[in-house]
Amino acid sequence: MADSNDSVSVDMEKIYLGGKEHHVRTGQGSVSVIVCGDQDKPPLITYPDLALNHMSCFQGLFFFPEAASLLLHNFCIYHISPPGHEFLQLGAAEICQDDPSPSADDLADQILEVLNYFGLGAVMCMGVTAGAYILTLFALKYRERVLGLILISPLCKSPSWSEWFYNKVMSNLLYFYGMCGLLKECLLQRYFSKEVRGSAEVAESDIVQACRKLLDERQSNNVFRFLQAINGRPDITEGLKRLRCRTLIFVGDSSPFHSEALHMISKLDRRYSALVEVQACGSMVTEEQPHAMLIPMEYFFMGYGLYRPCQFSDSPRSPLSPSCISPELLSPESMGLKLKPIKTRIS
């Protein structure tokens, strides 16, 4: 564990799946950042959900060719992992139990330290559930550092009694039994719809099997600390009206956090926000139905002068611009969204 008094610095770099891994020391300890793409391009940062990292949370989206071309053509990607959530084989040691657990505020402040290390100004943000909450909190605290938010099954309220109790059950399982089978089932229900989790008659899908395997690599104490931060999160609903960055929300209609996303979109300024509901999908739209994200993201990025490159041309990348996207651009008619399984709402 890094000394909390250390200034931000890079401990190591590794070539990893086409990107470089940086271990950056912050006031809240070391954090892993995978950098993919041309660092002269505008930055897009990602933050995963509980017990996940960029490979288990965003692989489906970035391995989807059309989405990858859209994102990597326009952005340099900075995948930020919660403390201790990088791969075991890449150095994810268990965080000392005597170290104070970070709060959600601490994790948002840690993002600022990471951006400052890399010399980044304003960034595009993409987060899933717990990660979406941390990035929204970051946007509320440091508005000038956020260009836009792409949130997947986000949280904004304090935990309900049912979520709080569910999280306490997972905390106890982590504390006493580690990453046991029952805990992994709880997490998989959090991430995926029953359609891909399978049943006694139907085998679980490849993405669920891959996620289950990746969960085996997690250090239980590190997951416990992130869960504690999320279970103690404050309600940020009141601040949402003050957000002026454009916000695009995706949520699966089978997600346990579906109602939370509906609540959040109702509190955001309707001039800057849109909601896409994906049918027969759980929380992790990025893994379960990444194709459902492509067209809404294309129209969202048009508001910044960004586009997906033509297959047959190599036009220069458009710079970011402050032009405002019209909510009408995200209407089902404008996007040609007769294709299910997508429903689109403008708040």
Foldseek 3Di string as FASTA:
>chain_A
DDDLPDAWDWPDWDCDPQWIWTFIQHNQGTKIKTKHADPVAAEEEEEEDFLAFCCLQQVLQCVPVQSVLQDRQHHIYITIYQQLNDFVVVPSDFDDPPRDQDALVRLLVVVVSVCVVSVHAAHEYEYFALRLQSVVVNCLVCVRNYQEYEYFLYAAAQDDPVRLVLLVVLLVCLVPPNLDPVNLVSVCLQFKFCVQVADPVGHHHPSSVVSSVSSVRGGSNSSSSSSVNRNPDHHRLVSQQVRDHAYEYEYEPSHPSVVRVVSNLVSHDLQRYKYKYAYNIYRRCSNPPSVSVNLLVQLVCVQQVAHRDDPPDDDHGDGGDNGGRGVVCQQCVNSVVPDDPMDMGRD
